[in-house]
């Protein structure tokens, strides 16, 4: 990964998500063959940034056709 790509990755997965609305989703986590709940963000054009955050600090690269948007239930 070159330096510019690394900066884009950091911005899209660490910096930008802290300052924008989170959208909740369900997705299939193939490593454990389970369904998980996570969240993602939209870019300034309204497109999903293809990184889903889950399990407190984990992220996974998923695209819109790989997730099911949901409404987050209040705890």
N, C-alpha and C. Protein backbone atom coordinates (compact mmCIF):
# COMPACT_ATOMS: atom_id res chain seq x y z
N UNK A 1 0.85 -1.16 0.00
CA UNK A 1 0.00 0.00 0.00
C UNK A 1 0.90 1.24 0.00
N UNK A 2 0.69 2.11 -0.97
CA UNK A 2 1.53 3.30 -1.00
C UNK A 2 1.02 4.34 0.01
N UNK A 3 1.75 5.39 0.20
CA UNK A 3 1.46 6.39 1.23
C UNK A 3 0.10 7.05 1.03
N UNK A 4 -0.23 7.44 -0.20
CA UNK A 4 -1.51 8.11 -0.48
C UNK A 4 -2.67 7.15 -0.20
N UNK A 5 -2.55 5.91 -0.62
CA UNK A 5 -3.59 4.92 -0.36
C UNK A 5 -3.77 4.70 1.14
N UNK A 6 -2.67 4.69 1.85
CA UNK A 6 -2.74 4.50 3.30
C UNK A 6 -3.45 5.68 3.97
N UNK A 7 -3.16 6.91 3.53
CA UNK A 7 -3.85 8.08 4.08
C UNK A 7 -5.34 8.04 3.79
N UNK A 8 -5.73 7.62 2.57
CA UNK A 8 -7.15 7.50 2.23
C UNK A 8 -7.84 6.47 3.12
N UNK A 9 -7.16 5.35 3.35
CA UNK A 9 -7.71 4.31 4.21
C UNK A 9 -7.93 4.85 5.62
N UNK A 10 -6.94 5.52 6.18
CA UNK A 10 -7.06 6.09 7.53
C UNK A 10 -8.20 7.10 7.59
N UNK A 11 -8.29 7.97 6.58
CA UNK A 11 -9.35 8.98 6.56
C UNK A 11 -10.73 8.34 6.51
N UNK A 12 -10.92 7.36 5.61
CA UNK A 12 -12.24 6.75 5.41
C UNK A 12 -12.64 5.81 6.54
N UNK A 13 -11.70 5.27 7.27
CA UNK A 13 -12.04 4.30 8.31
C UNK A 13 -11.88 4.81 9.74
N UNK A 14 -11.10 5.86 9.94
CA UNK A 14 -10.85 6.35 11.30
C UNK A 14 -11.31 7.79 11.52
N UNK A 15 -11.00 8.68 10.60
CA UNK A 15 -11.27 10.10 10.81
C UNK A 15 -12.70 10.48 10.42
N UNK A 16 -13.08 10.25 9.18
CA UNK A 16 -14.40 10.64 8.68
C UNK A 16 -15.55 10.01 9.47
N UNK A 17 -15.50 8.70 9.79
CA UNK A 17 -16.62 8.10 10.54
C UNK A 17 -16.88 8.72 11.91
N UNK A 18 -15.90 9.36 12.51
CA UNK A 18 -16.10 9.99 13.82
C UNK A 18 -16.97 11.24 13.72
N UNK A 19 -17.10 11.80 12.52
CA UNK A 19 -17.75 13.09 12.35
C UNK A 19 -18.99 13.05 11.47
N UNK A 20 -19.55 11.88 11.25
CA UNK A 20 -20.72 11.77 10.39
C UNK A 20 -21.70 10.75 10.95
N UNK A 21 -22.89 10.72 10.42
CA UNK A 21 -23.93 9.82 10.88
C UNK A 21 -23.57 8.36 10.58
N UNK A 22 -23.90 7.49 11.52
CA UNK A 22 -23.68 6.06 11.33
C UNK A 22 -24.99 5.40 10.88
N UNK A 23 -24.88 4.45 9.97
CA UNK A 23 -26.02 3.67 9.49
C UNK A 23 -25.77 2.22 9.86
N UNK A 24 -26.79 1.57 10.41
CA UNK A 24 -26.65 0.21 10.91
C UNK A 24 -27.01 -0.81 9.84
N UNK A 25 -26.38 -1.99 9.94
CA UNK A 25 -26.63 -3.03 8.95
C UNK A 25 -26.35 -4.41 9.56
N UNK A 26 -26.88 -5.42 8.88
CA UNK A 26 -26.53 -6.81 9.17
C UNK A 26 -25.70 -7.31 8.01
N UNK A 27 -24.78 -8.21 8.29
CA UNK A 27 -23.97 -8.80 7.23
C UNK A 27 -23.52 -10.20 7.63
N UNK A 28 -23.16 -10.97 6.63
CA UNK A 28 -22.65 -12.32 6.88
C UNK A 28 -21.14 -12.24 7.09
N UNK A 29 -20.72 -12.72 8.25
CA UNK A 29 -19.29 -12.72 8.58
C UNK A 29 -18.76 -14.11 8.27
N UNK A 30 -18.09 -14.24 7.14
CA UNK A 30 -17.70 -15.56 6.64
C UNK A 30 -16.64 -16.26 7.48
N UNK A 31 -15.89 -15.54 8.29
CA UNK A 31 -14.86 -16.20 9.10
C UNK A 31 -15.47 -17.09 10.18
N UNK A 32 -16.60 -16.65 10.73
CA UNK A 32 -17.27 -17.46 11.76
C UNK A 32 -18.61 -18.02 11.27
N UNK A 33 -18.96 -17.74 10.01
CA UNK A 33 -20.21 -18.19 9.40
C UNK A 33 -21.42 -17.78 10.25
N UNK A 34 -21.41 -16.50 10.68
CA UNK A 34 -22.50 -15.96 11.50
C UNK A 34 -22.99 -14.64 10.90
N UNK A 35 -24.17 -14.22 11.37
CA UNK A 35 -24.68 -12.91 10.99
C UNK A 35 -24.28 -11.91 12.07
N UNK A 36 -23.75 -10.79 11.66
CA UNK A 36 -23.30 -9.76 12.60
C UNK A 36 -24.04 -8.46 12.33
N UNK A 37 -24.03 -7.59 13.32
CA UNK A 37 -24.55 -6.23 13.18
C UNK A 37 -23.38 -5.27 13.24
N UNK A 38 -23.37 -4.32 12.34
CA UNK A 38 -22.30 -3.33 12.30
C UNK A 38 -22.84 -2.00 11.82
N UNK A 39 -21.96 -1.06 11.58
CA UNK A 39 -22.36 0.24 11.07
C UNK A 39 -21.39 0.71 10.00
N UNK A 40 -21.90 1.62 9.16
CA UNK A 40 -21.11 2.18 8.06
C UNK A 40 -21.46 3.65 7.92
N UNK A 41 -20.75 4.35 7.07
CA UNK A 41 -21.03 5.77 6.81
C UNK A 41 -21.17 5.99 5.32
N UNK A 42 -21.78 7.12 4.98
CA UNK A 42 -21.93 7.51 3.58
C UNK A 42 -20.96 8.64 3.26
N UNK A 43 -20.47 8.65 2.03
CA UNK A 43 -19.59 9.74 1.62
C UNK A 43 -20.42 10.97 1.27
N UNK A 44 -19.79 12.04 0.81
CA UNK A 44 -20.50 13.29 0.56
C UNK A 44 -21.47 13.20 -0.61
N UNK A 45 -21.38 12.12 -1.40
CA UNK A 45 -22.30 11.90 -2.52
C UNK A 45 -23.44 10.96 -2.14
N UNK A 46 -23.47 10.49 -0.90
CA UNK A 46 -24.51 9.59 -0.43
C UNK A 46 -24.24 8.13 -0.72
N UNK A 47 -23.01 7.80 -1.11
CA UNK A 47 -22.65 6.41 -1.37
C UNK A 47 -21.97 5.81 -0.15
N UNK A 48 -22.20 4.54 0.06
CA UNK A 48 -21.60 3.85 1.20
C UNK A 48 -20.09 3.76 1.02
N UNK A 49 -19.34 4.16 2.05
CA UNK A 49 -17.90 3.88 2.07
C UNK A 49 -17.78 2.41 2.44
N UNK A 50 -17.12 1.60 1.64
CA UNK A 50 -17.20 0.14 1.81
C UNK A 50 -16.43 -0.46 2.98
N UNK A 51 -16.58 0.12 4.15
CA UNK A 51 -16.00 -0.44 5.36
C UNK A 51 -17.07 -0.48 6.44
N UNK A 52 -17.34 -1.67 6.95
CA UNK A 52 -18.33 -1.85 8.02
C UNK A 52 -17.59 -2.06 9.33
N UNK A 53 -17.96 -1.30 10.35
CA UNK A 53 -17.37 -1.39 11.68
C UNK A 53 -18.23 -2.31 12.53
N UNK A 54 -17.60 -3.18 13.32
CA UNK A 54 -18.35 -4.10 14.19
C UNK A 54 -17.46 -4.54 15.34
N UNK A 55 -18.06 -5.18 16.34
CA UNK A 55 -17.33 -5.70 17.50
C UNK A 55 -16.36 -4.68 18.09
N UNK A 56 -16.87 -3.48 18.35
CA UNK A 56 -16.11 -2.39 18.99
C UNK A 56 -15.00 -1.80 18.12
N UNK A 57 -14.03 -2.59 17.66
CA UNK A 57 -12.91 -1.98 16.94
C UNK A 57 -12.55 -2.69 15.64
N UNK A 58 -13.33 -3.68 15.24
CA UNK A 58 -13.02 -4.40 14.00
C UNK A 58 -13.70 -3.72 12.81
N UNK A 59 -13.08 -3.83 11.64
CA UNK A 59 -13.71 -3.36 10.40
C UNK A 59 -13.54 -4.44 9.35
N UNK A 60 -14.46 -4.43 8.38
CA UNK A 60 -14.42 -5.38 7.29
C UNK A 60 -14.84 -4.67 6.01
N UNK A 61 -14.20 -4.99 4.91
CA UNK A 61 -14.52 -4.36 3.64
C UNK A 61 -15.73 -5.07 3.04
N UNK A 62 -16.86 -4.36 2.99
CA UNK A 62 -18.09 -4.87 2.40
C UNK A 62 -18.68 -3.79 1.51
N UNK A 63 -19.43 -4.21 0.50
CA UNK A 63 -20.07 -3.28 -0.43
C UNK A 63 -21.57 -3.31 -0.21
N UNK A 64 -22.31 -2.31 -0.74
CA UNK A 64 -23.75 -2.23 -0.48
C UNK A 64 -24.53 -3.51 -0.78
N UNK A 65 -24.12 -4.27 -1.79
CA UNK A 65 -24.85 -5.50 -2.11
C UNK A 65 -24.53 -6.64 -1.15
N UNK A 66 -23.63 -6.42 -0.19
CA UNK A 66 -23.23 -7.45 0.76
C UNK A 66 -23.81 -7.22 2.15
N UNK A 67 -24.62 -6.17 2.31
CA UNK A 67 -25.19 -5.84 3.63
C UNK A 67 -26.70 -5.69 3.52
N UNK A 68 -27.36 -5.71 4.68
CA UNK A 68 -28.79 -5.42 4.78
C UNK A 68 -28.95 -4.26 5.77
N UNK A 69 -29.33 -3.08 5.28
CA UNK A 69 -29.53 -1.95 6.20
C UNK A 69 -30.64 -2.27 7.20
N UNK A 70 -30.46 -1.84 8.43
CA UNK A 70 -31.46 -2.05 9.49
C UNK A 70 -31.58 -0.78 10.33
N UNK A 71 -32.65 -0.72 11.11
CA UNK A 71 -32.80 0.33 12.12
C UNK A 71 -32.22 -0.22 13.40
N UNK A 72 -31.35 0.51 14.04
CA UNK A 72 -30.73 0.08 15.30
C UNK A 72 -31.77 0.11 16.41
N UNK A 73 -31.91 -1.00 17.11
CA UNK A 73 -32.82 -1.06 18.24
C UNK A 73 -32.14 -0.45 19.45
N UNK A 74 -32.89 0.30 20.23
CA UNK A 74 -32.34 0.91 21.45
C UNK A 74 -32.12 -0.16 22.50
N UNK A 75 -31.01 -0.06 23.23
CA UNK A 75 -30.69 -1.05 24.27
C UNK A 75 -31.52 -0.82 25.50
